[in-house]
Amino acid sequence: MEKDIMYYLERYQGEAVVVRDWNGNVYWGEIEWIDRRRGGIFLRNRFNRRRFFIPFFLLASIILLRNRRRIF
């Protein structure tokens, strides 16, 4: 299951997204890369260029900002 999600998200690498985790935290940024080894994605904040890692088990939803479409 987790492997399928990684391949699906590769299509949106470099896109601006909004990510919501299971704890209710919301992150804005671009998908910088997908880390298969650790099982998560790295987002780059568009404002201060800070990177942060979100593990797949915490993801609740990902929404593309380009057309407001939910992809996960």
PDB file of N, CA and C in Angstrom:
ATOM      1  N   MET A   1       0.829  -1.203   0.000  1.00  0.00           N
ATOM      2  CA  MET A   1       0.000   0.000   0.000  1.00  0.00           C
ATOM      3  C   MET A   1       0.866   1.256   0.000  1.00  0.00           C
ATOM      4  N   GLU A   2       1.845   1.300   0.891  1.00  0.00           N
ATOM      5  CA  GLU A   2       2.689   2.478   1.009  1.00  0.00           C
ATOM      6  C   GLU A   2       3.491   2.711  -0.268  1.00  0.00           C
ATOM      7  N   LYS A   3       3.925   1.640  -0.911  1.00  0.00           N
ATOM      8  CA  LYS A   3       4.680   1.760  -2.150  1.00  0.00           C
ATOM      9  C   LYS A   3       3.815   2.360  -3.253  1.00  0.00           C
ATOM     10  N   ASP A   4       2.552   2.001  -3.317  1.00  0.00           N
ATOM     11  CA  ASP A   4       1.644   2.550  -4.314  1.00  0.00           C
ATOM     12  C   ASP A   4       1.475   4.058  -4.140  1.00  0.00           C
ATOM     13  N   ILE A   5       1.404   4.521  -2.912  1.00  0.00           N
ATOM     14  CA  ILE A   5       1.251   5.948  -2.637  1.00  0.00           C
ATOM     15  C   ILE A   5       2.472   6.709  -3.118  1.00  0.00           C
ATOM     16  N   MET A   6       3.658   6.170  -2.891  1.00  0.00           N
ATOM     17  CA  MET A   6       4.887   6.852  -3.305  1.00  0.00           C
ATOM     18  C   MET A   6       4.941   7.032  -4.812  1.00  0.00           C
ATOM     19  N   TYR A   7       4.615   6.004  -5.559  1.00  0.00           N
ATOM     20  CA  TYR A   7       4.639   6.110  -7.011  1.00  0.00           C
ATOM     21  C   TYR A   7       3.575   7.082  -7.509  1.00  0.00           C
ATOM     22  N   TYR A   8       2.444   7.118  -6.857  1.00  0.00           N
ATOM     23  CA  TYR A   8       1.374   8.036  -7.231  1.00  0.00           C
ATOM     24  C   TYR A   8       1.781   9.485  -6.987  1.00  0.00           C
ATOM     25  N   LEU A   9       2.447   9.755  -5.862  1.00  0.00           N
ATOM     26  CA  LEU A   9       2.835  11.121  -5.517  1.00  0.00           C
ATOM     27  C   LEU A   9       3.995  11.644  -6.349  1.00  0.00           C
ATOM     28  N   GLU A  10       4.802  10.771  -6.941  1.00  0.00           N
ATOM     29  CA  GLU A  10       5.912  11.227  -7.777  1.00  0.00           C
ATOM     30  C   GLU A  10       5.438  12.100  -8.929  1.00  0.00           C
ATOM     31  N   ARG A  11       4.254  11.863  -9.398  1.00  0.00           N
ATOM     32  CA  ARG A  11       3.690  12.647 -10.498  1.00  0.00           C
ATOM     33  C   ARG A  11       3.549  14.122 -10.115  1.00  0.00           C
ATOM     34  N   TYR A  12       3.372  14.410  -8.836  1.00  0.00           N
ATOM     35  CA  TYR A  12       3.134  15.773  -8.366  1.00  0.00           C
ATOM     36  C   TYR A  12       4.366  16.412  -7.736  1.00  0.00           C
ATOM     37  N   GLN A  13       5.520  15.846  -7.931  1.00  0.00           N
ATOM     38  CA  GLN A  13       6.747  16.411  -7.385  1.00  0.00           C
ATOM     39  C   GLN A  13       6.980  17.792  -7.988  1.00  0.00           C
ATOM     40  N   GLY A  14       7.280  18.780  -7.146  1.00  0.00           N
ATOM     41  CA  GLY A  14       7.472  20.155  -7.593  1.00  0.00           C
ATOM     42  C   GLY A  14       6.209  20.987  -7.595  1.00  0.00           C
ATOM     43  N   GLU A  15       5.071  20.387  -7.298  1.00  0.00           N
ATOM     44  CA  GLU A  15       3.790  21.104  -7.280  1.00  0.00           C
ATOM     45  C   GLU A  15       3.538  21.714  -5.897  1.00  0.00           C
ATOM     46  N   ALA A  16       2.847  22.842  -5.889  1.00  0.00           N
ATOM     47  CA  ALA A  16       2.443  23.479  -4.639  1.00  0.00           C
ATOM     48  C   ALA A  16       1.247  22.724  -4.062  1.00  0.00           C
ATOM     49  N   VAL A  17       1.344  22.358  -2.777  1.00  0.00           N
ATOM     50  CA  VAL A  17       0.302  21.555  -2.138  1.00  0.00           C
ATOM     51  C   VAL A  17       0.022  22.063  -0.727  1.00  0.00           C
ATOM     52  N   VAL A  18      -1.119  21.630  -0.216  1.00  0.00           N
ATOM     53  CA  VAL A  18      -1.464  21.790   1.195  1.00  0.00           C
ATOM     54  C   VAL A  18      -1.571  20.383   1.762  1.00  0.00           C
ATOM     55  N   VAL A  19      -0.849  20.115   2.843  1.00  0.00           N
ATOM     56  CA  VAL A  19      -0.835  18.789   3.452  1.00  0.00           C
ATOM     57  C   VAL A  19      -1.437  18.884   4.850  1.00  0.00           C
ATOM     58  N   ARG A  20      -2.361  17.996   5.130  1.00  0.00           N
ATOM     59  CA  ARG A  20      -2.944  17.918   6.472  1.00  0.00           C
ATOM     60  C   ARG A  20      -2.593  16.560   7.057  1.00  0.00           C
ATOM     61  N   ASP A  21      -2.072  16.556   8.291  1.00  0.00           N
ATOM     62  CA  ASP A  21      -1.733  15.281   8.922  1.00  0.00           C
ATOM     63  C   ASP A  21      -2.848  14.855   9.876  1.00  0.00           C
ATOM     64  N   TRP A  22      -2.680  13.663  10.433  1.00  0.00           N
ATOM     65  CA  TRP A  22      -3.715  13.098  11.313  1.00  0.00           C
ATOM     66  C   TRP A  22      -3.905  13.895  12.590  1.00  0.00           C
ATOM     67  N   ASN A  23      -2.902  14.693  12.981  1.00  0.00           N
ATOM     68  CA  ASN A  23      -3.005  15.507  14.192  1.00  0.00           C
ATOM     69  C   ASN A  23      -3.707  16.832  13.942  1.00  0.00           C
ATOM     70  N   GLY A  24      -4.048  17.114  12.679  1.00  0.00           N
ATOM     71  CA  GLY A  24      -4.728  18.359  12.344  1.00  0.00           C
ATOM     72  C   GLY A  24      -3.798  19.481  11.925  1.00  0.00           C
ATOM     73  N   ASN A  25      -2.489  19.252  11.910  1.00  0.00           N
ATOM     74  CA  ASN A  25      -1.539  20.264  11.472  1.00  0.00           C
ATOM     75  C   ASN A  25      -1.622  20.427   9.962  1.00  0.00           C
ATOM     76  N   VAL A  26      -1.503  21.670   9.489  1.00  0.00           N
ATOM     77  CA  VAL A  26      -1.570  21.971   8.063  1.00  0.00           C
ATOM     78  C   VAL A  26      -0.229  22.539   7.627  1.00  0.00           C
ATOM     79  N   TYR A  27       0.311  22.008   6.529  1.00  0.00           N
ATOM     80  CA  TYR A  27       1.589  22.445   5.975  1.00  0.00           C
ATOM     81  C   TYR A  27       1.373  22.899   4.539  1.00  0.00           C
ATOM     82  N   TRP A  28       1.949  24.063   4.185  1.00  0.00           N
ATOM     83  CA  TRP A  28       1.901  24.592   2.826  1.00  0.00           C
ATOM     84  C   TRP A  28       3.288  24.497   2.246  1.00  0.00           C
ATOM     85  N   GLY A  29       3.405  24.104   0.987  1.00  0.00           N
ATOM     86  CA  GLY A  29       4.712  24.072   0.343  1.00  0.00           C
ATOM     87  C   GLY A  29       4.692  23.290  -0.950  1.00  0.00           C
ATOM     88  N   GLU A  30       5.891  23.003  -1.450  1.00  0.00           N
ATOM     89  CA  GLU A  30       6.053  22.212  -2.662  1.00  0.00           C
ATOM     90  C   GLU A  30       6.630  20.862  -2.294  1.00  0.00           C
ATOM     91  N   ILE A  31       6.185  19.831  -2.983  1.00  0.00           N
ATOM     92  CA  ILE A  31       6.757  18.502  -2.761  1.00  0.00           C
ATOM     93  C   ILE A  31       8.157  18.517  -3.366  1.00  0.00           C
ATOM     94  N   GLU A  32       9.168  18.475  -2.511  1.00  0.00           N
ATOM     95  CA  GLU A  32      10.540  18.529  -3.012  1.00  0.00           C
ATOM     96  C   GLU A  32      11.012  17.164  -3.478  1.00  0.00           C
ATOM     97  N   TRP A  33      10.857  16.162  -2.642  1.00  0.00           N
ATOM     98  CA  TRP A  33      11.143  14.810  -3.088  1.00  0.00           C
ATOM     99  C   TRP A  33      10.458  13.805  -2.180  1.00  0.00           C
ATOM    100  N   ILE A  34      10.355  12.580  -2.690  1.00  0.00           N
ATOM    101  CA  ILE A  34       9.731  11.480  -1.960  1.00  0.00           C
ATOM    102  C   ILE A  34      10.843  10.552  -1.513  1.00  0.00           C
ATOM    103  N   ASP A  35      10.930  10.311  -0.216  1.00  0.00           N
ATOM    104  CA  ASP A  35      11.976   9.463   0.342  1.00  0.00           C
ATOM    105  C   ASP A  35      11.413   8.066   0.578  1.00  0.00           C
ATOM    106  N   ARG A  36      11.756   7.138  -0.301  1.00  0.00           N
ATOM    107  CA  ARG A  36      11.249   5.769  -0.176  1.00  0.00           C
ATOM    108  C   ARG A  36      11.883   5.041   0.997  1.00  0.00           C
ATOM    109  N   ARG A  37      13.127   5.346   1.289  1.00  0.00           N
ATOM    110  CA  ARG A  37      13.838   4.639   2.356  1.00  0.00           C
ATOM    111  C   ARG A  37      13.208   4.922   3.725  1.00  0.00           C
ATOM    112  N   ARG A  38      12.889   6.198   3.975  1.00  0.00           N
ATOM    113  CA  ARG A  38      12.284   6.553   5.262  1.00  0.00           C
ATOM    114  C   ARG A  38      10.760   6.548   5.215  1.00  0.00           C
ATOM    115  N   GLY A  39      10.189   6.488   4.021  1.00  0.00           N
ATOM    116  CA  GLY A  39       8.735   6.403   3.894  1.00  0.00           C
ATOM    117  C   GLY A  39       8.012   7.698   4.169  1.00  0.00           C
ATOM    118  N   GLY A  40       8.303   8.727   3.386  1.00  0.00           N
ATOM    119  CA  GLY A  40       7.624  10.002   3.568  1.00  0.00           C
ATOM    120  C   GLY A  40       7.974  10.974   2.460  1.00  0.00           C
ATOM    121  N   ILE A  41       7.515  12.228   2.634  1.00  0.00           N
ATOM    122  CA  ILE A  41       7.809  13.260   1.648  1.00  0.00           C
ATOM    123  C   ILE A  41       8.494  14.438   2.326  1.00  0.00           C
ATOM    124  N   PHE A  42       9.310  15.141   1.552  1.00  0.00           N
ATOM    125  CA  PHE A  42       9.915  16.379   2.007  1.00  0.00           C
ATOM    126  C   PHE A  42       9.187  17.523   1.331  1.00  0.00           C
ATOM    127  N   LEU A  43       8.724  18.465   2.133  1.00  0.00           N
ATOM    128  CA  LEU A  43       8.096  19.672   1.612  1.00  0.00           C
ATOM    129  C   LEU A  43       9.054  20.831   1.771  1.00  0.00           C
ATOM    130  N   ARG A  44       9.059  21.730   0.788  1.00  0.00           N
ATOM    131  CA  ARG A  44       9.852  22.949   0.889  1.00  0.00           C
ATOM    132  C   ARG A  44       8.881  24.102   1.051  1.00  0.00           C
ATOM    133  N   ASN A  45       9.056  24.845   2.124  1.00  0.00           N
ATOM    134  CA  ASN A  45       8.217  25.997   2.385  1.00  0.00           C
ATOM    135  C   ASN A  45       8.541  27.078   1.363  1.00  0.00           C
ATOM    136  N   ARG A  46       7.536  27.655   0.738  1.00  0.00           N
ATOM    137  CA  ARG A  46       7.752  28.631  -0.320  1.00  0.00           C
ATOM    138  C   ARG A  46       8.221  29.982   0.211  1.00  0.00           C
ATOM    139  N   PHE A  47       7.990  30.280   1.467  1.00  0.00           N
ATOM    140  CA  PHE A  47       8.290  31.605   1.989  1.00  0.00           C
ATOM    141  C   PHE A  47       9.705  31.721   2.543  1.00  0.00           C
ATOM    142  N   ASN A  48      10.120  30.760   3.362  1.00  0.00           N
ATOM    143  CA  ASN A  48      11.458  30.871   3.940  1.00  0.00           C
ATOM    144  C   ASN A  48      12.379  29.725   3.532  1.00  0.00           C
ATOM    145  N   ARG A  49      11.973  28.925   2.536  1.00  0.00           N
ATOM    146  CA  ARG A  49      12.778  27.838   1.969  1.00  0.00           C
ATOM    147  C   ARG A  49      13.191  26.784   2.993  1.00  0.00           C
ATOM    148  N   ARG A  50      12.456  26.678   4.075  1.00  0.00           N
ATOM    149  CA  ARG A  50      12.724  25.639   5.069  1.00  0.00           C
ATOM    150  C   ARG A  50      12.148  24.320   4.580  1.00  0.00           C
ATOM    151  N   ARG A  51      12.853  23.231   4.798  1.00  0.00           N
ATOM    152  CA  ARG A  51      12.380  21.899   4.420  1.00  0.00           C
ATOM    153  C   ARG A  51      11.904  21.160   5.656  1.00  0.00           C
ATOM    154  N   PHE A  52      10.889  20.349   5.480  1.00  0.00           N
ATOM    155  CA  PHE A  52      10.463  19.481   6.580  1.00  0.00           C
ATOM    156  C   PHE A  52       9.955  18.173   6.026  1.00  0.00           C
ATOM    157  N   PHE A  53      10.060  17.141   6.839  1.00  0.00           N
ATOM    158  CA  PHE A  53       9.738  15.766   6.464  1.00  0.00           C
ATOM    159  C   PHE A  53       8.409  15.375   7.086  1.00  0.00           C
ATOM    160  N   ILE A  54       7.535  14.750   6.289  1.00  0.00           N
ATOM    161  CA  ILE A  54       6.256  14.245   6.787  1.00  0.00           C
ATOM    162  C   ILE A  54       6.180  12.766   6.452  1.00  0.00           C
ATOM    163  N   PRO A  55       6.166  11.894   7.474  1.00  0.00           N
ATOM    164  CA  PRO A  55       6.057  10.449   7.214  1.00  0.00           C
ATOM    165  C   PRO A  55       4.686  10.095   6.641  1.00  0.00           C
ATOM    166  N   PHE A  56       4.651   9.038   5.838  1.00  0.00           N
ATOM    167  CA  PHE A  56       3.401   8.633   5.204  1.00  0.00           C
ATOM    168  C   PHE A  56       2.325   8.243   6.195  1.00  0.00           C
ATOM    169  N   PHE A  57       2.707   7.686   7.338  1.00  0.00           N
ATOM    170  CA  PHE A  57       1.673   7.259   8.279  1.00  0.00           C
ATOM    171  C   PHE A  57       0.956   8.441   8.927  1.00  0.00           C
ATOM    172  N   LEU A  58       1.491   9.662   8.792  1.00  0.00           N
ATOM    173  CA  LEU A  58       0.823  10.844   9.344  1.00  0.00           C
ATOM    174  C   LEU A  58      -0.069  11.563   8.338  1.00  0.00           C
ATOM    175  N   LEU A  59       0.057  11.238   7.051  1.00  0.00           N
ATOM    176  CA  LEU A  59      -0.695  11.959   6.023  1.00  0.00           C
ATOM    177  C   LEU A  59      -2.190  11.661   6.107  1.00  0.00           C
ATOM    178  N   ALA A  60      -2.976  12.702   6.102  1.00  0.00           N
ATOM    179  CA  ALA A  60      -4.425  12.548   6.050  1.00  0.00           C
ATOM    180  C   ALA A  60      -4.957  12.997   4.694  1.00  0.00           C
ATOM    181  N   SER A  61      -4.417  14.108   4.159  1.00  0.00           N
ATOM    182  CA  SER A  61      -4.847  14.578   2.845  1.00  0.00           C
ATOM    183  C   SER A  61      -3.775  15.479   2.238  1.00  0.00           C
ATOM    184  N   ILE A  62      -3.745  15.490   0.909  1.00  0.00           N
ATOM    185  CA  ILE A  62      -2.879  16.395   0.155  1.00  0.00           C
ATOM    186  C   ILE A  62      -3.760  17.043  -0.914  1.00  0.00           C
ATOM    187  N   ILE A  63      -3.725  18.382  -0.974  1.00  0.00           N
ATOM    188  CA  ILE A  63      -4.549  19.122  -1.925  1.00  0.00           C
ATOM    189  C   ILE A  63      -3.641  19.955  -2.818  1.00  0.00           C
ATOM    190  N   LEU A  64      -3.786  19.802  -4.137  1.00  0.00           N
ATOM    191  CA  LEU A  64      -3.027  20.610  -5.097  1.00  0.00           C
ATOM    192  C   LEU A  64      -3.554  22.045  -5.071  1.00  0.00           C
ATOM    193  N   LEU A  65      -2.656  23.010  -5.025  1.00  0.00           N
ATOM    194  CA  LEU A  65      -3.091  24.400  -5.035  1.00  0.00           C
ATOM    195  C   LEU A  65      -3.414  24.893  -6.447  1.00  0.00           C
ATOM    196  N   ARG A  66      -2.871  24.217  -7.454  1.00  0.00           N
ATOM    197  CA  ARG A  66      -3.077  24.645  -8.840  1.00  0.00           C
ATOM    198  C   ARG A  66      -4.563  24.621  -9.202  1.00  0.00           C
ATOM    199  N   ASN A  67      -5.251  23.551  -8.868  1.00  0.00           N
ATOM    200  CA  ASN A  67      -6.667  23.455  -9.230  1.00  0.00           C
ATOM    201  C   ASN A  67      -7.543  23.013  -8.060  1.00  0.00           C
ATOM    202  N   ARG A  68      -7.024  23.102  -6.850  1.00  0.00           N
ATOM    203  CA  ARG A  68      -7.788  22.764  -5.627  1.00  0.00           C
ATOM    204  C   ARG A  68      -8.342  21.360  -5.657  1.00  0.00           C
ATOM    205  N   ARG A  69      -7.545  20.428  -6.185  1.00  0.00           N
ATOM    206  CA  ARG A  69      -7.976  19.035  -6.277  1.00  0.00           C
ATOM    207  C   ARG A  69      -7.278  18.206  -5.212  1.00  0.00           C
ATOM    208  N   ARG A  70      -8.034  17.383  -4.540  1.00  0.00           N
ATOM    209  CA  ARG A  70      -7.464  16.503  -3.529  1.00  0.00           C
ATOM    210  C   ARG A  70      -6.850  15.294  -4.227  1.00  0.00           C
ATOM    211  N   ILE A  71      -5.570  15.021  -3.919  1.00  0.00           N
ATOM    212  CA  ILE A  71      -4.896  13.905  -4.575  1.00  0.00           C
ATOM    213  C   ILE A  71      -4.666  12.741  -3.623  1.00  0.00           C
ATOM    214  N   PHE A  72      -4.876  12.938  -2.341  1.00  0.00           N
ATOM    215  CA  PHE A  72      -4.686  11.847  -1.387  1.00  0.00           C
ATOM    216  C   PHE A  72      -5.594  12.064  -0.201  1.00  0.00           C
TER     217      PHE A  72
END
